[in-house]
Amino acid sequence: MGELSRTGISLEHDLLEGFDALIAKRGYKNRSEAVRDLIREALAADAVAANQTVVGTLTLVYDHHVPNLAQRLTEAQHQGGALVLATTHVHLDHHACLEVILLRGQSEQLKAMADQMLAMRGVELGKLVMTTAGLTRSHTHDHGHPDAG
């Protein structure tokens, strides 16, 4: 973590009470940790909006009985080439499959790929979630995993 700087903010009492309740619910040890995460989230959203390199997950729920859908989803991933890092496929029941696709690339490329797949007939639900690939290096609170260095 880099050098810390102190800052102060002024908030309405009701807003601060709501924030304190939220950070307690989420398990933060103090307000500073929560504010740092909010800033990281805002910076990640800005990176996505600026078409920077991001990582993402595309989650799909689809009916595997729709003719050629699984093949078309696989072909779309192959067309994405280096954007696709990994895919996990799970059978939820007799008709429904869950697929989670891990992606990395320019945010507009990931969005275009997701839009193509989400529009396929038989895809019932789906969501693309993107974040930056590196803002969390100075992240200090414990998520139960060792530091990568």
C-alpha atoms as a PDB file:
ATOM      1  CA  MET A   1       0.000   0.000   0.000  1.00  0.00           C
ATOM      2  CA  GLY A   2       1.206   3.510  -0.795  1.00  0.00           C
ATOM      3  CA  GLU A   3       1.550   6.418   1.571  1.00  0.00           C
ATOM      4  CA  LEU A   4      -1.702   7.334   3.303  1.00  0.00           C
ATOM      5  CA  SER A   5      -3.202  10.817   3.139  1.00  0.00           C
ATOM      6  CA  ARG A   6      -5.818  12.039   5.564  1.00  0.00           C
ATOM      7  CA  THR A   7      -8.891  13.883   4.386  1.00  0.00           C
ATOM      8  CA  GLY A   8     -12.152  14.984   5.917  1.00  0.00           C
ATOM      9  CA  ILE A   9     -15.639  15.066   4.505  1.00  0.00           C
ATOM     10  CA  SER A  10     -18.866  16.666   5.648  1.00  0.00           C
ATOM     11  CA  LEU A  11     -22.059  14.623   5.480  1.00  0.00           C
ATOM     12  CA  GLU A  12     -25.631  15.115   6.591  1.00  0.00           C
ATOM     13  CA  HIS A  13     -26.337  13.198   9.804  1.00  0.00           C
ATOM     14  CA  ASP A  14     -28.937  10.898   8.170  1.00  0.00           C
ATOM     15  CA  LEU A  15     -26.560  10.068   5.323  1.00  0.00           C
ATOM     16  CA  LEU A  16     -23.753   9.211   7.757  1.00  0.00           C
ATOM     17  CA  GLU A  17     -26.095   7.027   9.837  1.00  0.00           C
ATOM     18  CA  GLY A  18     -27.154   5.142   6.727  1.00  0.00           C
ATOM     19  CA  PHE A  19     -23.529   4.742   5.644  1.00  0.00           C
ATOM     20  CA  ASP A  20     -22.521   3.458   9.094  1.00  0.00           C
ATOM     21  CA  ALA A  21     -25.361   0.922   8.989  1.00  0.00           C
ATOM     22  CA  LEU A  22     -24.274  -0.223   5.523  1.00  0.00           C
ATOM     23  CA  ILE A  23     -20.618  -0.645   6.460  1.00  0.00           C
ATOM     24  CA  ALA A  24     -21.573  -2.559   9.618  1.00  0.00           C
ATOM     25  CA  LYS A  25     -23.818  -4.849   7.549  1.00  0.00           C
ATOM     26  CA  ARG A  26     -20.977  -5.480   5.084  1.00  0.00           C
ATOM     27  CA  GLY A  27     -18.453  -6.124   7.861  1.00  0.00           C
ATOM     28  CA  TYR A  28     -16.047  -3.234   7.360  1.00  0.00           C
ATOM     29  CA  LYS A  29     -13.824  -2.473  10.330  1.00  0.00           C
ATOM     30  CA  ASN A  30     -13.974   1.271   9.761  1.00  0.00           C
ATOM     31  CA  ARG A  31     -15.278   4.012   7.468  1.00  0.00           C
ATOM     32  CA  SER A  32     -11.936   4.438   5.715  1.00  0.00           C
ATOM     33  CA  GLU A  33     -12.024   0.897   4.304  1.00  0.00           C
ATOM     34  CA  ALA A  34     -15.555   1.437   3.020  1.00  0.00           C
ATOM     35  CA  VAL A  35     -14.710   4.798   1.440  1.00  0.00           C
ATOM     36  CA  ARG A  36     -11.631   3.310  -0.257  1.00  0.00           C
ATOM     37  CA  ASP A  37     -13.803   0.562  -1.781  1.00  0.00           C
ATOM     38  CA  LEU A  38     -16.355   3.110  -2.981  1.00  0.00           C
ATOM     39  CA  ILE A  39     -13.571   5.090  -4.663  1.00  0.00           C
ATOM     40  CA  ARG A  40     -12.189   1.926  -6.284  1.00  0.00           C
ATOM     41  CA  GLU A  41     -15.674   1.087  -7.530  1.00  0.00           C
ATOM     42  CA  ALA A  42     -16.067   4.558  -9.040  1.00  0.00           C
ATOM     43  CA  LEU A  43     -12.631   4.322 -10.698  1.00  0.00           C
ATOM     44  CA  ALA A  44     -13.514   0.890 -12.107  1.00  0.00           C
ATOM     45  CA  ALA A  45     -16.789   2.254 -13.532  1.00  0.00           C
ATOM     46  CA  ASP A  46     -14.825   5.100 -15.121  1.00  0.00           C
ATOM     47  CA  ALA A  47     -12.363   2.627 -16.687  1.00  0.00           C
ATOM     48  CA  VAL A  48     -15.261   0.642 -18.146  1.00  0.00           C
ATOM     49  CA  ALA A  49     -16.813   3.822 -19.539  1.00  0.00           C
ATOM     50  CA  ALA A  50     -13.445   4.873 -21.024  1.00  0.00           C
ATOM     51  CA  ASN A  51     -13.031   1.558 -22.902  1.00  0.00           C
ATOM     52  CA  GLN A  52      -9.939   0.569 -20.928  1.00  0.00           C
ATOM     53  CA  THR A  53      -8.690  -2.971 -20.390  1.00  0.00           C
ATOM     54  CA  VAL A  54     -10.953  -4.688 -17.903  1.00  0.00           C
ATOM     55  CA  VAL A  55     -11.835  -8.146 -16.664  1.00  0.00           C
ATOM     56  CA  GLY A  56     -15.360  -9.422 -16.595  1.00  0.00           C
ATOM     57  CA  THR A  57     -17.738 -12.266 -16.068  1.00  0.00           C
ATOM     58  CA  LEU A  58     -20.549 -13.044 -18.447  1.00  0.00           C
ATOM     59  CA  THR A  59     -23.158 -15.212 -16.746  1.00  0.00           C
ATOM     60  CA  LEU A  60     -25.712 -16.960 -18.950  1.00  0.00           C
ATOM     61  CA  VAL A  61     -28.673 -19.192 -18.169  1.00  0.00           C
ATOM     62  CA  TYR A  62     -29.984 -20.918 -21.250  1.00  0.00           C
ATOM     63  CA  ASP A  63     -32.148 -23.745 -22.504  1.00  0.00           C
ATOM     64  CA  HIS A  64     -29.811 -26.385 -23.877  1.00  0.00           C
ATOM     65  CA  HIS A  65     -32.670 -27.948 -25.859  1.00  0.00           C
ATOM     66  CA  VAL A  66     -32.712 -25.001 -28.273  1.00  0.00           C
ATOM     67  CA  PRO A  67     -31.183 -26.371 -31.486  1.00  0.00           C
ATOM     68  CA  ASN A  68     -27.512 -25.420 -32.022  1.00  0.00           C
ATOM     69  CA  LEU A  69     -27.483 -22.901 -29.147  1.00  0.00           C
ATOM     70  CA  ALA A  70     -24.594 -24.528 -27.266  1.00  0.00           C
ATOM     71  CA  GLN A  71     -22.630 -24.693 -30.519  1.00  0.00           C
ATOM     72  CA  ARG A  72     -23.350 -21.023 -31.329  1.00  0.00           C
ATOM     73  CA  LEU A  73     -22.293 -19.956 -27.825  1.00  0.00           C
ATOM     74  CA  THR A  74     -19.055 -21.918 -28.190  1.00  0.00           C
ATOM     75  CA  GLU A  75     -18.421 -20.418 -31.644  1.00  0.00           C
ATOM     76  CA  ALA A  76     -18.921 -16.901 -30.263  1.00  0.00           C
ATOM     77  CA  GLN A  77     -16.324 -17.635 -27.595  1.00  0.00           C
ATOM     78  CA  HIS A  78     -13.885 -18.925 -30.198  1.00  0.00           C
ATOM     79  CA  GLN A  79     -14.456 -15.799 -32.283  1.00  0.00           C
ATOM     80  CA  GLY A  80     -13.628 -13.760 -29.176  1.00  0.00           C
ATOM     81  CA  GLY A  81     -10.213 -15.409 -29.131  1.00  0.00           C
ATOM     82  CA  ALA A  82      -7.968 -13.948 -26.456  1.00  0.00           C
ATOM     83  CA  LEU A  83     -10.897 -12.180 -24.773  1.00  0.00           C
ATOM     84  CA  VAL A  84     -12.038 -15.487 -23.261  1.00  0.00           C
ATOM     85  CA  LEU A  85      -9.918 -16.660 -20.341  1.00  0.00           C
ATOM     86  CA  ALA A  86     -12.059 -19.573 -19.132  1.00  0.00           C
ATOM     87  CA  THR A  87     -15.580 -20.962 -19.123  1.00  0.00           C
ATOM     88  CA  THR A  88     -17.506 -22.939 -16.536  1.00  0.00           C
ATOM     89  CA  HIS A  89     -20.607 -24.871 -17.555  1.00  0.00           C
ATOM     90  CA  VAL A  90     -23.122 -26.347 -15.117  1.00  0.00           C
ATOM     91  CA  HIS A  91     -26.355 -28.273 -15.756  1.00  0.00           C
ATOM     92  CA  LEU A  92     -29.027 -26.746 -13.507  1.00  0.00           C
ATOM     93  CA  ASP A  93     -31.844 -29.108 -14.443  1.00  0.00           C
ATOM     94  CA  HIS A  94     -33.165 -31.067 -17.428  1.00  0.00           C
ATOM     95  CA  HIS A  95     -33.499 -27.906 -19.562  1.00  0.00           C
ATOM     96  CA  ALA A  96     -31.362 -25.162 -18.061  1.00  0.00           C
ATOM     97  CA  CYS A  97     -27.619 -24.659 -18.169  1.00  0.00           C
ATOM     98  CA  LEU A  98     -25.538 -22.035 -16.411  1.00  0.00           C
ATOM     99  CA  GLU A  99     -22.402 -20.806 -18.116  1.00  0.00           C
ATOM    100  CA  VAL A 100     -19.942 -18.336 -16.630  1.00  0.00           C
ATOM    101  CA  ILE A 101     -17.366 -16.932 -19.023  1.00  0.00           C
ATOM    102  CA  LEU A 102     -14.295 -15.114 -17.697  1.00  0.00           C
ATOM    103  CA  LEU A 103     -13.164 -12.317 -19.999  1.00  0.00           C
ATOM    104  CA  ARG A 104     -10.368  -9.781 -20.348  1.00  0.00           C
ATOM    105  CA  GLY A 105     -10.078  -7.000 -22.910  1.00  0.00           C
ATOM    106  CA  GLN A 106     -11.294  -3.540 -23.840  1.00  0.00           C
ATOM    107  CA  SER A 107     -14.659  -2.906 -22.197  1.00  0.00           C
ATOM    108  CA  GLU A 108     -16.367  -2.237 -25.546  1.00  0.00           C
ATOM    109  CA  GLN A 109     -15.084  -5.571 -26.905  1.00  0.00           C
ATOM    110  CA  LEU A 110     -16.460  -7.426 -23.884  1.00  0.00           C
ATOM    111  CA  LYS A 111     -19.800  -5.627 -24.165  1.00  0.00           C
ATOM    112  CA  ALA A 112     -20.087  -6.439 -27.891  1.00  0.00           C
ATOM    113  CA  MET A 113     -19.350 -10.109 -27.243  1.00  0.00           C
ATOM    114  CA  ALA A 114     -21.839 -10.228 -24.367  1.00  0.00           C
ATOM    115  CA  ASP A 115     -24.539  -8.498 -26.406  1.00  0.00           C
ATOM    116  CA  GLN A 116     -24.074 -11.009 -29.224  1.00  0.00           C
ATOM    117  CA  MET A 117     -24.440 -13.966 -26.866  1.00  0.00           C
ATOM    118  CA  LEU A 118     -27.279 -12.503 -24.791  1.00  0.00           C
ATOM    119  CA  ALA A 119     -29.325 -11.905 -27.954  1.00  0.00           C
ATOM    120  CA  MET A 120     -29.201 -15.560 -29.023  1.00  0.00           C
ATOM    121  CA  ARG A 121     -32.551 -17.360 -29.016  1.00  0.00           C
ATOM    122  CA  GLY A 122     -32.680 -19.656 -26.000  1.00  0.00           C
ATOM    123  CA  VAL A 123     -30.550 -17.499 -23.693  1.00  0.00           C
ATOM    124  CA  GLU A 124     -33.041 -16.808 -20.933  1.00  0.00           C
ATOM    125  CA  LEU A 125     -31.011 -14.674 -18.534  1.00  0.00           C
ATOM    126  CA  GLY A 126     -27.606 -13.101 -18.616  1.00  0.00           C
ATOM    127  CA  LYS A 127     -25.448 -10.397 -17.181  1.00  0.00           C
ATOM    128  CA  LEU A 128     -22.022  -8.942 -17.901  1.00  0.00           C
ATOM    129  CA  VAL A 129     -20.104  -7.579 -14.922  1.00  0.00           C
ATOM    130  CA  MET A 130     -16.847  -5.718 -15.578  1.00  0.00           C
ATOM    131  CA  THR A 131     -14.155  -4.309 -13.318  1.00  0.00           C
ATOM    132  CA  THR A 132     -10.583  -3.164 -13.661  1.00  0.00           C
ATOM    133  CA  ALA A 133      -7.660  -5.529 -13.694  1.00  0.00           C
ATOM    134  CA  GLY A 134      -5.323  -4.059 -11.138  1.00  0.00           C
ATOM    135  CA  LEU A 135      -6.876  -1.343  -8.994  1.00  0.00           C
ATOM    136  CA  THR A 136      -7.009  -3.666  -5.997  1.00  0.00           C
ATOM    137  CA  ARG A 137      -3.268  -4.135  -5.585  1.00  0.00           C
ATOM    138  CA  SER A 138      -3.273  -1.831  -2.545  1.00  0.00           C
ATOM    139  CA  HIS A 139      -6.483  -3.342  -1.214  1.00  0.00           C
ATOM    140  CA  THR A 140      -5.913  -3.925   2.479  1.00  0.00           C
ATOM    141  CA  HIS A 141      -8.836  -5.720   4.063  1.00  0.00           C
ATOM    142  CA  ASP A 142      -8.932  -9.477   4.202  1.00  0.00           C
ATOM    143  CA  HIS A 143     -11.041 -11.427   1.714  1.00  0.00           C
ATOM    144  CA  GLY A 144      -9.612 -14.775   2.786  1.00  0.00           C
ATOM    145  CA  HIS A 145      -6.962 -15.090   0.089  1.00  0.00           C
ATOM    146  CA  PRO A 146      -3.195 -14.601   0.301  1.00  0.00           C
ATOM    147  CA  ASP A 147      -1.617 -11.532  -1.257  1.00  0.00           C
ATOM    148  CA  ALA A 148      -0.404 -12.114  -4.805  1.00  0.00           C
ATOM    149  CA  GLY A 149       2.539  -9.890  -4.210  1.00  0.00           C
END
